[in-house]
Amino acid sequence: MDKALKSFFKDTKPNKIYTYKEFLELSETNISNTNIDALTDKEKIYFDYSKINLQRTKRIEKTFKPNQDIVDLVNKIDRKILFFVITEDWCGDSAQNLPYIEKYLNFNPLLEMKVILRDSNLEAIDNYFKEGNPRSIPKIVGFNENGKELFIWGPRPKFAQDLVQQLKAEGYTKEEFNKELHLWYAKNKGKELEKELVNIFRNLIK
């Protein structure tokens, strides 16, 4: 997948690229080794986000049962595809979406997820954020093994994105709309995401 990575980074160099498992292990290590008393108030907020997100991820990994029709679709993909993810472990949308995606990718050895951290790769990732966009994550970019860009997805399913925009328009604060968003995620259990994944997977079948 070297050509895919070259297409993504162009003339820049990545700080570090992780597998999804390594990304979770990094988060777990950082949480375990952090001296909470030494954190600023802002750092404590992000630390709490990371801790909650790891719990969310583990819960989804434990309880989610993949849809067999989607699994069958995934297994029809007969070429190598890289799902390249831009994110951070404090990102709630990542914790609510990536575990489902990784679960489906694991059914086909030709499909691979790699992760880079947004904040330490700003120069490399800015091509994938439109002007005026606050670098919303996660952002997933799909490549074939020749480095051709196949799709871009993120930061959340369209239904969830529309919900956020509606709540913002109604004057909800960030804390308020995030609470509503995660309540929606808990009730939806990945169903809206699965609809979008079906479209992505279908388009990846030659």
N, C-alpha and C. Protein backbone atom coordinates (compact mmCIF):
# COMPACT_ATOMS: atom_id res chain seq x y z
N MET A 1 0.81 -1.20 0.00
CA MET A 1 0.00 0.00 0.00
C MET A 1 0.86 1.27 0.00
N ASP A 2 2.12 1.15 -0.37
CA ASP A 2 3.00 2.31 -0.38
C ASP A 2 2.49 3.42 -1.29
N LYS A 3 1.92 3.03 -2.44
CA LYS A 3 1.41 4.03 -3.39
C LYS A 3 0.23 4.79 -2.79
N ALA A 4 -0.59 4.08 -2.03
CA ALA A 4 -1.73 4.73 -1.38
C ALA A 4 -1.25 5.76 -0.37
N LEU A 5 -0.25 5.39 0.42
CA LEU A 5 0.28 6.31 1.42
C LEU A 5 0.94 7.51 0.75
N LYS A 6 1.63 7.26 -0.36
CA LYS A 6 2.26 8.36 -1.09
C LYS A 6 1.21 9.31 -1.64
N SER A 7 0.09 8.76 -2.12
CA SER A 7 -1.00 9.59 -2.63
C SER A 7 -1.58 10.45 -1.53
N PHE A 8 -1.69 9.87 -0.34
CA PHE A 8 -2.28 10.61 0.78
C PHE A 8 -1.36 11.73 1.24
N PHE A 9 -0.10 11.41 1.47
CA PHE A 9 0.81 12.37 2.08
C PHE A 9 1.46 13.31 1.08
N LYS A 10 1.44 12.94 -0.20
CA LYS A 10 2.04 13.76 -1.26
C LYS A 10 3.48 14.11 -0.87
N ASP A 11 3.80 15.38 -0.66
CA ASP A 11 5.18 15.77 -0.38
C ASP A 11 5.48 15.89 1.11
N THR A 12 4.53 15.53 1.94
CA THR A 12 4.74 15.61 3.38
C THR A 12 5.08 14.24 3.95
N LYS A 13 5.55 14.22 5.18
CA LYS A 13 5.90 12.96 5.83
C LYS A 13 5.02 12.75 7.06
N PRO A 14 4.49 11.53 7.24
CA PRO A 14 3.65 11.28 8.41
C PRO A 14 4.48 11.24 9.68
N ASN A 15 3.88 11.67 10.78
CA ASN A 15 4.54 11.56 12.07
C ASN A 15 4.65 10.08 12.45
N LYS A 16 3.52 9.39 12.43
CA LYS A 16 3.50 7.95 12.69
C LYS A 16 2.18 7.39 12.18
N ILE A 17 2.24 6.17 11.64
CA ILE A 17 1.05 5.48 11.15
C ILE A 17 0.80 4.26 12.03
N TYR A 18 -0.46 4.10 12.46
CA TYR A 18 -0.82 3.01 13.37
C TYR A 18 -1.81 2.05 12.70
N THR A 19 -1.78 0.80 13.12
CA THR A 19 -2.91 -0.07 12.84
C THR A 19 -4.01 0.36 13.81
N TYR A 20 -5.23 -0.10 13.56
CA TYR A 20 -6.32 0.25 14.47
C TYR A 20 -6.04 -0.30 15.87
N LYS A 21 -5.51 -1.51 15.95
CA LYS A 21 -5.19 -2.11 17.24
C LYS A 21 -4.13 -1.29 17.98
N GLU A 22 -3.12 -0.84 17.24
CA GLU A 22 -2.07 -0.02 17.85
C GLU A 22 -2.62 1.31 18.34
N PHE A 23 -3.55 1.88 17.59
CA PHE A 23 -4.19 3.13 17.98
C PHE A 23 -4.91 2.98 19.32
N LEU A 24 -5.65 1.88 19.48
CA LEU A 24 -6.35 1.63 20.74
C LEU A 24 -5.36 1.37 21.88
N GLU A 25 -4.30 0.63 21.57
CA GLU A 25 -3.29 0.34 22.60
C GLU A 25 -2.60 1.63 23.04
N LEU A 26 -2.35 2.53 22.10
CA LEU A 26 -1.73 3.82 22.43
C LEU A 26 -2.64 4.60 23.37
N SER A 27 -3.92 4.62 23.06
CA SER A 27 -4.88 5.33 23.91
C SER A 27 -4.91 4.73 25.31
N GLU A 28 -4.94 3.42 25.37
CA GLU A 28 -4.99 2.74 26.67
C GLU A 28 -3.73 3.03 27.49
N THR A 29 -2.59 3.01 26.82
CA THR A 29 -1.32 3.30 27.51
C THR A 29 -1.29 4.73 28.02
N ASN A 30 -1.72 5.67 27.18
CA ASN A 30 -1.73 7.08 27.58
C ASN A 30 -2.65 7.32 28.77
N ILE A 31 -3.80 6.67 28.76
CA ILE A 31 -4.74 6.82 29.86
C ILE A 31 -4.15 6.24 31.15
N SER A 32 -3.53 5.09 31.05
CA SER A 32 -2.96 4.42 32.23
C SER A 32 -1.79 5.19 32.82
N ASN A 33 -1.01 5.84 31.95
CA ASN A 33 0.23 6.48 32.40
C ASN A 33 0.09 7.96 32.71
N THR A 34 -1.09 8.52 32.51
CA THR A 34 -1.27 9.95 32.72
C THR A 34 -1.38 10.30 34.20
N ASN A 35 -0.63 11.30 34.60
CA ASN A 35 -0.75 11.86 35.95
C ASN A 35 -1.84 12.93 35.91
N ILE A 36 -3.02 12.58 36.33
CA ILE A 36 -4.17 13.48 36.20
C ILE A 36 -3.95 14.79 36.94
N ASP A 37 -3.27 14.72 38.08
CA ASP A 37 -3.04 15.93 38.89
C ASP A 37 -2.18 16.95 38.16
N ALA A 38 -1.40 16.49 37.19
CA ALA A 38 -0.50 17.40 36.47
C ALA A 38 -1.17 18.05 35.25
N LEU A 39 -2.40 17.67 34.96
CA LEU A 39 -3.08 18.17 33.77
C LEU A 39 -3.71 19.54 34.02
N THR A 40 -3.77 20.35 32.97
CA THR A 40 -4.53 21.59 33.02
C THR A 40 -6.02 21.24 32.96
N ASP A 41 -6.87 22.22 33.22
CA ASP A 41 -8.31 21.96 33.16
C ASP A 41 -8.73 21.48 31.78
N LYS A 42 -8.18 22.10 30.73
CA LYS A 42 -8.52 21.70 29.36
C LYS A 42 -8.02 20.28 29.08
N GLU A 43 -6.81 19.98 29.53
CA GLU A 43 -6.25 18.64 29.32
C GLU A 43 -7.08 17.58 30.04
N LYS A 44 -7.62 17.92 31.21
CA LYS A 44 -8.46 16.98 31.95
C LYS A 44 -9.73 16.66 31.18
N ILE A 45 -10.28 17.67 30.51
CA ILE A 45 -11.49 17.45 29.70
C ILE A 45 -11.20 16.45 28.60
N TYR A 46 -10.08 16.64 27.89
CA TYR A 46 -9.74 15.73 26.79
C TYR A 46 -9.35 14.35 27.30
N PHE A 47 -8.74 14.31 28.48
CA PHE A 47 -8.42 13.02 29.10
C PHE A 47 -9.70 12.24 29.39
N ASP A 48 -10.70 12.94 29.92
CA ASP A 48 -11.98 12.29 30.21
C ASP A 48 -12.65 11.81 28.93
N TYR A 49 -12.56 12.62 27.86
CA TYR A 49 -13.10 12.20 26.57
C TYR A 49 -12.45 10.89 26.12
N SER A 50 -11.13 10.84 26.21
CA SER A 50 -10.40 9.65 25.76
C SER A 50 -10.80 8.42 26.57
N LYS A 51 -10.93 8.61 27.86
CA LYS A 51 -11.30 7.50 28.75
C LYS A 51 -12.70 6.98 28.43
N ILE A 52 -13.65 7.90 28.26
CA ILE A 52 -15.02 7.50 27.92
C ILE A 52 -15.05 6.80 26.56
N ASN A 53 -14.28 7.32 25.61
CA ASN A 53 -14.28 6.74 24.26
C ASN A 53 -13.73 5.33 24.24
N LEU A 54 -12.74 5.07 25.06
CA LEU A 54 -12.20 3.71 25.14
C LEU A 54 -13.27 2.75 25.68
N GLN A 55 -14.04 3.23 26.64
CA GLN A 55 -15.14 2.42 27.18
C GLN A 55 -16.20 2.18 26.11
N ARG A 56 -16.52 3.23 25.34
CA ARG A 56 -17.50 3.09 24.25
C ARG A 56 -17.02 2.06 23.23
N THR A 57 -15.76 2.18 22.86
CA THR A 57 -15.18 1.26 21.88
C THR A 57 -15.27 -0.19 22.35
N LYS A 58 -14.88 -0.43 23.58
CA LYS A 58 -14.90 -1.79 24.12
C LYS A 58 -16.32 -2.34 24.19
N ARG A 59 -17.27 -1.47 24.52
CA ARG A 59 -18.66 -1.92 24.59
C ARG A 59 -19.17 -2.35 23.22
N ILE A 60 -18.87 -1.54 22.19
CA ILE A 60 -19.30 -1.88 20.83
C ILE A 60 -18.63 -3.17 20.37
N GLU A 61 -17.32 -3.28 20.62
CA GLU A 61 -16.59 -4.49 20.22
C GLU A 61 -17.19 -5.74 20.87
N LYS A 62 -17.66 -5.60 22.09
CA LYS A 62 -18.19 -6.74 22.83
C LYS A 62 -19.61 -7.11 22.40
N THR A 63 -20.42 -6.11 22.07
CA THR A 63 -21.85 -6.36 21.86
C THR A 63 -22.29 -6.40 20.40
N PHE A 64 -21.50 -5.82 19.49
CA PHE A 64 -21.96 -5.70 18.10
C PHE A 64 -21.90 -7.04 17.37
N LYS A 65 -23.00 -7.37 16.71
CA LYS A 65 -23.07 -8.57 15.88
C LYS A 65 -23.24 -8.13 14.43
N PRO A 66 -22.22 -8.35 13.59
CA PRO A 66 -22.27 -7.91 12.20
C PRO A 66 -23.45 -8.50 11.43
N ASN A 67 -23.95 -7.71 10.50
CA ASN A 67 -25.03 -8.14 9.62
C ASN A 67 -24.46 -9.08 8.56
N GLN A 68 -25.01 -10.28 8.45
CA GLN A 68 -24.44 -11.28 7.54
C GLN A 68 -24.50 -10.84 6.08
N ASP A 69 -25.55 -10.12 5.70
CA ASP A 69 -25.63 -9.64 4.32
C ASP A 69 -24.48 -8.68 4.00
N ILE A 70 -24.13 -7.86 4.98
CA ILE A 70 -23.02 -6.92 4.77
C ILE A 70 -21.69 -7.68 4.76
N VAL A 71 -21.57 -8.69 5.62
CA VAL A 71 -20.37 -9.53 5.62
C VAL A 71 -20.18 -10.18 4.25
N ASP A 72 -21.27 -10.70 3.69
CA ASP A 72 -21.20 -11.33 2.36
C ASP A 72 -20.76 -10.32 1.31
N LEU A 73 -21.24 -9.09 1.45
CA LEU A 73 -20.85 -8.02 0.52
C LEU A 73 -19.36 -7.72 0.64
N VAL A 74 -18.89 -7.62 1.87
CA VAL A 74 -17.47 -7.36 2.13
C VAL A 74 -16.60 -8.43 1.48
N ASN A 75 -17.03 -9.66 1.56
CA ASN A 75 -16.23 -10.77 1.03
C ASN A 75 -16.21 -10.84 -0.49
N LYS A 76 -17.05 -10.04 -1.14
CA LYS A 76 -17.03 -9.98 -2.60
C LYS A 76 -15.97 -9.01 -3.13
N ILE A 77 -15.41 -8.21 -2.25
CA ILE A 77 -14.36 -7.27 -2.66
C ILE A 77 -13.08 -8.06 -2.89
N ASP A 78 -12.56 -8.01 -4.12
CA ASP A 78 -11.44 -8.88 -4.48
C ASP A 78 -10.17 -8.10 -4.81
N ARG A 79 -10.02 -6.95 -4.21
CA ARG A 79 -8.79 -6.16 -4.41
C ARG A 79 -8.41 -5.49 -3.09
N LYS A 80 -7.14 -5.15 -2.96
CA LYS A 80 -6.67 -4.52 -1.74
C LYS A 80 -7.18 -3.08 -1.65
N ILE A 81 -7.73 -2.76 -0.49
CA ILE A 81 -8.24 -1.42 -0.24
C ILE A 81 -7.71 -0.95 1.12
N LEU A 82 -7.19 0.26 1.14
CA LEU A 82 -6.73 0.86 2.39
C LEU A 82 -7.76 1.88 2.87
N PHE A 83 -8.25 1.68 4.10
CA PHE A 83 -9.12 2.66 4.76
C PHE A 83 -8.21 3.49 5.66
N PHE A 84 -7.91 4.70 5.22
CA PHE A 84 -6.94 5.53 5.93
C PHE A 84 -7.68 6.54 6.80
N VAL A 85 -7.48 6.46 8.11
CA VAL A 85 -8.28 7.21 9.07
C VAL A 85 -7.47 8.34 9.70
N ILE A 86 -8.06 9.53 9.71
CA ILE A 86 -7.51 10.67 10.43
C ILE A 86 -8.37 10.86 11.68
N THR A 87 -7.76 10.79 12.86
CA THR A 87 -8.57 10.93 14.07
C THR A 87 -7.70 11.25 15.28
N GLU A 88 -8.33 11.26 16.46
CA GLU A 88 -7.68 11.37 17.76
C GLU A 88 -8.50 10.53 18.74
N ASP A 89 -7.88 10.07 19.81
CA ASP A 89 -8.63 9.17 20.70
C ASP A 89 -9.67 9.89 21.54
N TRP A 90 -9.59 11.24 21.61
CA TRP A 90 -10.61 11.98 22.35
C TRP A 90 -11.87 12.24 21.52
N CYS A 91 -11.84 11.83 20.25
CA CYS A 91 -12.94 12.10 19.32
C CYS A 91 -14.09 11.11 19.53
N GLY A 92 -15.22 11.61 20.00
CA GLY A 92 -16.37 10.75 20.26
C GLY A 92 -16.93 10.07 19.03
N ASP A 93 -16.94 10.78 17.90
CA ASP A 93 -17.46 10.18 16.67
C ASP A 93 -16.60 9.00 16.22
N SER A 94 -15.31 9.06 16.48
CA SER A 94 -14.44 7.92 16.15
C SER A 94 -14.83 6.69 16.96
N ALA A 95 -15.01 6.89 18.26
CA ALA A 95 -15.35 5.77 19.13
C ALA A 95 -16.70 5.16 18.78
N GLN A 96 -17.59 5.97 18.20
CA GLN A 96 -18.93 5.50 17.87
C GLN A 96 -19.03 4.90 16.47
N ASN A 97 -17.97 5.00 15.67
CA ASN A 97 -18.03 4.51 14.29
C ASN A 97 -16.92 3.52 13.91
N LEU A 98 -15.69 3.81 14.31
CA LEU A 98 -14.57 2.97 13.87
C LEU A 98 -14.67 1.51 14.31
N PRO A 99 -15.17 1.20 15.53
CA PRO A 99 -15.26 -0.22 15.90
C PRO A 99 -16.14 -1.03 14.95
N TYR A 100 -17.23 -0.43 14.49
CA TYR A 100 -18.11 -1.13 13.53
C TYR A 100 -17.38 -1.36 12.21
N ILE A 101 -16.71 -0.32 11.73
CA ILE A 101 -16.01 -0.42 10.45
C ILE A 101 -14.91 -1.47 10.51
N GLU A 102 -14.11 -1.42 11.56
CA GLU A 102 -13.01 -2.38 11.73
C GLU A 102 -13.54 -3.81 11.78
N LYS A 103 -14.67 -3.99 12.44
CA LYS A 103 -15.27 -5.32 12.57
C LYS A 103 -15.57 -5.90 11.18
N TYR A 104 -16.13 -5.07 10.29
CA TYR A 104 -16.44 -5.55 8.95
C TYR A 104 -15.17 -5.77 8.12
N LEU A 105 -14.20 -4.88 8.25
CA LEU A 105 -12.97 -5.03 7.47
C LEU A 105 -12.25 -6.32 7.82
N ASN A 106 -12.38 -6.74 9.06
CA ASN A 106 -11.68 -7.96 9.51
C ASN A 106 -12.16 -9.23 8.81
N PHE A 107 -13.32 -9.16 8.15
CA PHE A 107 -13.82 -10.34 7.44
C PHE A 107 -13.12 -10.56 6.11
N ASN A 108 -12.40 -9.56 5.63
CA ASN A 108 -11.73 -9.68 4.33
C ASN A 108 -10.27 -9.25 4.47
N PRO A 109 -9.32 -10.16 4.31
CA PRO A 109 -7.90 -9.84 4.50
C PRO A 109 -7.36 -8.83 3.49
N LEU A 110 -8.12 -8.54 2.44
CA LEU A 110 -7.69 -7.55 1.45
C LEU A 110 -7.98 -6.13 1.91
N LEU A 111 -8.77 -5.99 2.96
CA LEU A 111 -9.16 -4.68 3.46
C LEU A 111 -8.36 -4.35 4.72
N GLU A 112 -7.85 -3.15 4.77
CA GLU A 112 -6.95 -2.78 5.86
C GLU A 112 -7.26 -1.37 6.34
N MET A 113 -7.21 -1.18 7.66
CA MET A 113 -7.37 0.15 8.23
C MET A 113 -6.05 0.62 8.83
N LYS A 114 -5.68 1.85 8.51
CA LYS A 114 -4.52 2.50 9.11
C LYS A 114 -4.97 3.83 9.69
N VAL A 115 -4.29 4.27 10.75
CA VAL A 115 -4.71 5.46 11.48
C VAL A 115 -3.54 6.42 11.64
N ILE A 116 -3.81 7.72 11.42
CA ILE A 116 -2.85 8.75 11.82
C ILE A 116 -3.56 9.73 12.75
N LEU A 117 -2.80 10.32 13.64
CA LEU A 117 -3.35 11.30 14.57
C LEU A 117 -3.40 12.66 13.90
N ARG A 118 -4.56 13.28 13.96
CA ARG A 118 -4.75 14.55 13.27
C ARG A 118 -3.77 15.63 13.73
N ASP A 119 -3.66 15.82 15.05
CA ASP A 119 -2.97 16.99 15.57
C ASP A 119 -1.46 16.96 15.37
N SER A 120 -0.91 15.80 15.08
CA SER A 120 0.53 15.73 14.82
C SER A 120 0.83 15.55 13.33
N ASN A 121 -0.20 15.71 12.50
CA ASN A 121 -0.03 15.57 11.05
C ASN A 121 -0.83 16.63 10.29
N LEU A 122 -0.91 17.83 10.84
CA LEU A 122 -1.78 18.86 10.27
C LEU A 122 -1.41 19.20 8.83
N GLU A 123 -0.13 19.28 8.54
CA GLU A 123 0.30 19.64 7.18
C GLU A 123 -0.14 18.58 6.18
N ALA A 124 -0.07 17.33 6.59
CA ALA A 124 -0.40 16.24 5.67
C ALA A 124 -1.89 16.11 5.43
N ILE A 125 -2.69 16.39 6.46
CA ILE A 125 -4.12 16.07 6.36
C ILE A 125 -4.97 17.22 5.85
N ASP A 126 -4.43 18.42 5.76
CA ASP A 126 -5.28 19.56 5.42
C ASP A 126 -5.87 19.51 4.02
N ASN A 127 -5.31 18.69 3.13
CA ASN A 127 -5.91 18.53 1.80
C ASN A 127 -7.31 17.95 1.89
N TYR A 128 -7.61 17.28 3.00
CA TYR A 128 -8.89 16.58 3.13
C TYR A 128 -9.91 17.35 3.96
N PHE A 129 -9.62 18.62 4.22
CA PHE A 129 -10.57 19.45 4.95
C PHE A 129 -10.80 20.73 4.17
N LYS A 130 -12.07 20.99 3.86
CA LYS A 130 -12.41 22.16 3.06
C LYS A 130 -12.15 23.43 3.85
N GLU A 131 -11.95 24.52 3.13
CA GLU A 131 -11.71 25.81 3.76
C GLU A 131 -12.89 26.16 4.66
N GLY A 132 -12.60 26.57 5.88
CA GLY A 132 -13.66 26.90 6.82
C GLY A 132 -14.13 25.73 7.65
N ASN A 133 -13.71 24.52 7.27
CA ASN A 133 -14.08 23.33 8.04
C ASN A 133 -13.10 23.16 9.20
N PRO A 134 -13.59 22.96 10.41
CA PRO A 134 -12.71 22.89 11.59
C PRO A 134 -12.01 21.54 11.74
N ARG A 135 -11.57 20.97 10.65
CA ARG A 135 -10.85 19.68 10.70
C ARG A 135 -11.63 18.62 11.46
N SER A 136 -12.90 18.50 11.13
CA SER A 136 -13.76 17.54 11.82
C SER A 136 -13.29 16.11 11.57
N ILE A 137 -13.24 15.33 12.63
CA ILE A 137 -12.80 13.94 12.54
C ILE A 137 -13.83 13.03 13.19
N PRO A 138 -13.79 11.73 12.82
CA PRO A 138 -12.82 11.08 11.94
C PRO A 138 -13.08 11.38 10.47
N LYS A 139 -12.04 11.31 9.70
CA LYS A 139 -12.12 11.39 8.24
C LYS A 139 -11.46 10.12 7.70
N ILE A 140 -12.19 9.40 6.85
CA ILE A 140 -11.67 8.16 6.28
C ILE A 140 -11.52 8.33 4.78
N VAL A 141 -10.32 8.05 4.27
CA VAL A 141 -10.05 8.15 2.84
C VAL A 141 -9.69 6.75 2.34
N GLY A 142 -10.38 6.29 1.30
CA GLY A 142 -10.13 4.96 0.76
C GLY A 142 -9.25 5.00 -0.47
N PHE A 143 -8.28 4.11 -0.54
CA PHE A 143 -7.35 4.02 -1.68
C PHE A 143 -7.25 2.58 -2.16
N ASN A 144 -7.03 2.41 -3.47
CA ASN A 144 -6.64 1.08 -3.95
C ASN A 144 -5.12 0.97 -3.86
N GLU A 145 -4.57 -0.19 -4.22
CA GLU A 145 -3.14 -0.41 -4.02
C GLU A 145 -2.28 0.41 -4.97
N ASN A 146 -2.89 0.99 -6.01
CA ASN A 146 -2.15 1.86 -6.92
C ASN A 146 -2.17 3.32 -6.49
N GLY A 147 -2.81 3.58 -5.34
CA GLY A 147 -2.84 4.94 -4.81
C GLY A 147 -3.99 5.78 -5.31
N LYS A 148 -4.94 5.17 -6.00
CA LYS A 148 -6.09 5.93 -6.49
C LYS A 148 -7.09 6.14 -5.35
N GLU A 149 -7.49 7.39 -5.16
CA GLU A 149 -8.47 7.70 -4.12
C GLU A 149 -9.85 7.23 -4.57
N LEU A 150 -10.53 6.46 -3.72
CA LEU A 150 -11.80 5.85 -4.08
C LEU A 150 -13.00 6.46 -3.37
N PHE A 151 -12.81 6.92 -2.16
CA PHE A 151 -13.92 7.54 -1.43
C PHE A 151 -13.39 8.32 -0.24
N ILE A 152 -14.23 9.22 0.26
CA ILE A 152 -13.96 9.95 1.50
C ILE A 152 -15.23 9.87 2.36
N TRP A 153 -15.06 9.55 3.62
CA TRP A 153 -16.21 9.46 4.53
C TRP A 153 -15.87 10.17 5.83
N GLY A 154 -16.88 10.79 6.44
CA GLY A 154 -16.72 11.37 7.76
C GLY A 154 -17.34 12.75 7.85
N PRO A 155 -17.44 13.27 9.07
CA PRO A 155 -16.98 12.68 10.33
C PRO A 155 -17.99 11.75 11.01
N ARG A 156 -19.21 11.69 10.45
CA ARG A 156 -20.26 10.85 11.07
C ARG A 156 -21.30 10.54 10.01
N PRO A 157 -22.18 9.56 10.26
CA PRO A 157 -23.25 9.28 9.29
C PRO A 157 -24.09 10.53 9.01
N LYS A 158 -24.65 10.62 7.81
CA LYS A 158 -25.39 11.81 7.41
C LYS A 158 -26.54 12.11 8.36
N PHE A 159 -27.24 11.09 8.80
CA PHE A 159 -28.35 11.32 9.73
C PHE A 159 -27.85 12.02 10.99
N ALA A 160 -26.72 11.58 11.50
CA ALA A 160 -26.14 12.19 12.70
C ALA A 160 -25.65 13.60 12.41
N GLN A 161 -25.06 13.80 11.22
CA GLN A 161 -24.59 15.13 10.84
C GLN A 161 -25.77 16.11 10.74
N ASP A 162 -26.86 15.66 10.15
CA ASP A 162 -28.06 16.50 10.05
C ASP A 162 -28.62 16.83 11.43
N LEU A 163 -28.56 15.85 12.34
CA LEU A 163 -29.03 16.08 13.71
C LEU A 163 -28.20 17.16 14.38
N VAL A 164 -26.89 17.08 14.23
CA VAL A 164 -26.00 18.08 14.83
C VAL A 164 -26.30 19.47 14.28
N GLN A 165 -26.45 19.56 12.96
CA GLN A 165 -26.74 20.86 12.34
C GLN A 165 -28.07 21.41 12.83
N GLN A 166 -29.05 20.55 12.99
CA GLN A 166 -30.37 20.97 13.49
C GLN A 166 -30.27 21.49 14.92
N LEU A 167 -29.55 20.76 15.76
CA LEU A 167 -29.41 21.16 17.16
C LEU A 167 -28.64 22.47 17.29
N LYS A 168 -27.62 22.65 16.46
CA LYS A 168 -26.87 23.91 16.46
C LYS A 168 -27.78 25.07 16.08
N ALA A 169 -28.61 24.84 15.05
CA ALA A 169 -29.53 25.88 14.58
C ALA A 169 -30.55 26.24 15.65
N GLU A 170 -30.87 25.28 16.51
CA GLU A 170 -31.83 25.52 17.58
C GLU A 170 -31.18 26.13 18.82
N GLY A 171 -29.88 26.41 18.73
CA GLY A 171 -29.19 27.10 19.81
C GLY A 171 -28.58 26.22 20.88
N TYR A 172 -28.49 24.91 20.62
CA TYR A 172 -27.85 24.01 21.58
C TYR A 172 -26.37 24.35 21.72
N THR A 173 -25.86 24.29 22.93
CA THR A 173 -24.42 24.46 23.14
C THR A 173 -23.71 23.19 22.69
N LYS A 174 -22.38 23.26 22.58
CA LYS A 174 -21.60 22.09 22.17
C LYS A 174 -21.83 20.93 23.13
N GLU A 175 -21.83 21.23 24.41
CA GLU A 175 -22.04 20.18 25.42
C GLU A 175 -23.42 19.56 25.27
N GLU A 176 -24.43 20.40 24.99
CA GLU A 176 -25.81 19.91 24.86
C GLU A 176 -25.99 19.05 23.62
N PHE A 177 -25.46 19.53 22.46
CA PHE A 177 -25.69 18.73 21.26
C PHE A 177 -24.84 17.46 21.25
N ASN A 178 -23.68 17.50 21.92
CA ASN A 178 -22.88 16.27 22.03
C ASN A 178 -23.62 15.22 22.86
N LYS A 179 -24.30 15.66 23.91
CA LYS A 179 -25.07 14.73 24.73
C LYS A 179 -26.18 14.08 23.90
N GLU A 180 -26.89 14.90 23.12
CA GLU A 180 -27.96 14.38 22.26
C GLU A 180 -27.40 13.45 21.18
N LEU A 181 -26.25 13.83 20.64
CA LEU A 181 -25.62 13.02 19.59
C LEU A 181 -25.28 11.63 20.11
N HIS A 182 -24.69 11.56 21.30
CA HIS A 182 -24.27 10.26 21.82
C HIS A 182 -25.47 9.43 22.30
N LEU A 183 -26.54 10.09 22.70
CA LEU A 183 -27.78 9.36 22.98
C LEU A 183 -28.31 8.72 21.70
N TRP A 184 -28.22 9.48 20.60
CA TRP A 184 -28.65 8.94 19.31
C TRP A 184 -27.79 7.75 18.91
N TYR A 185 -26.48 7.88 19.06
CA TYR A 185 -25.57 6.77 18.73
C TYR A 185 -25.95 5.52 19.53
N ALA A 186 -26.22 5.71 20.82
CA ALA A 186 -26.53 4.57 21.69
C ALA A 186 -27.80 3.86 21.24
N LYS A 187 -28.78 4.63 20.78
CA LYS A 187 -30.05 4.04 20.34
C LYS A 187 -29.93 3.42 18.95
N ASN A 188 -29.14 4.05 18.08
CA ASN A 188 -29.06 3.61 16.69
C ASN A 188 -28.21 2.35 16.51
N LYS A 189 -27.22 2.18 17.38
CA LYS A 189 -26.37 0.97 17.38
C LYS A 189 -25.74 0.66 16.01
N GLY A 190 -25.30 1.72 15.33
CA GLY A 190 -24.55 1.53 14.08
C GLY A 190 -25.39 1.29 12.84
N LYS A 191 -26.72 1.36 12.95
CA LYS A 191 -27.58 1.03 11.80
C LYS A 191 -27.43 2.04 10.66
N GLU A 192 -27.39 3.33 10.97
CA GLU A 192 -27.22 4.34 9.92
C GLU A 192 -25.84 4.21 9.28
N LEU A 193 -24.84 3.94 10.10
CA LEU A 193 -23.49 3.73 9.57
C LEU A 193 -23.47 2.55 8.62
N GLU A 194 -24.14 1.47 8.99
CA GLU A 194 -24.16 0.28 8.15
C GLU A 194 -24.75 0.58 6.77
N LYS A 195 -25.78 1.42 6.72
CA LYS A 195 -26.37 1.80 5.44
C LYS A 195 -25.33 2.48 4.54
N GLU A 196 -24.52 3.33 5.14
CA GLU A 196 -23.50 4.04 4.36
C GLU A 196 -22.35 3.11 3.98
N LEU A 197 -22.03 2.18 4.87
CA LEU A 197 -20.99 1.20 4.56
C LEU A 197 -21.40 0.31 3.40
N VAL A 198 -22.68 -0.04 3.33
CA VAL A 198 -23.17 -0.85 2.22
C VAL A 198 -22.87 -0.16 0.89
N ASN A 199 -23.13 1.14 0.82
CA ASN A 199 -22.86 1.89 -0.41
C ASN A 199 -21.37 1.92 -0.73
N ILE A 200 -20.54 2.10 0.30
CA ILE A 200 -19.09 2.12 0.09
C ILE A 200 -18.61 0.76 -0.40
N PHE A 201 -19.03 -0.30 0.27
CA PHE A 201 -18.59 -1.65 -0.10
C PHE A 201 -19.06 -2.03 -1.50
N ARG A 202 -20.28 -1.67 -1.85
CA ARG A 202 -20.78 -1.97 -3.19
C ARG A 202 -19.93 -1.30 -4.26
N ASN A 203 -19.54 -0.06 -3.99
CA ASN A 203 -18.72 0.67 -4.96
C ASN A 203 -17.30 0.14 -5.07
N LEU A 204 -16.88 -0.64 -4.08
CA LEU A 204 -15.53 -1.21 -4.11
C LEU A 204 -15.48 -2.55 -4.84
N ILE A 205 -16.65 -3.08 -5.15
CA ILE A 205 -16.71 -4.34 -5.90
C ILE A 205 -16.61 -4.01 -7.39
N LYS A 206 -15.65 -4.61 -8.06
CA LYS A 206 -15.43 -4.32 -9.49
C LYS A 206 -16.63 -4.79 -10.32
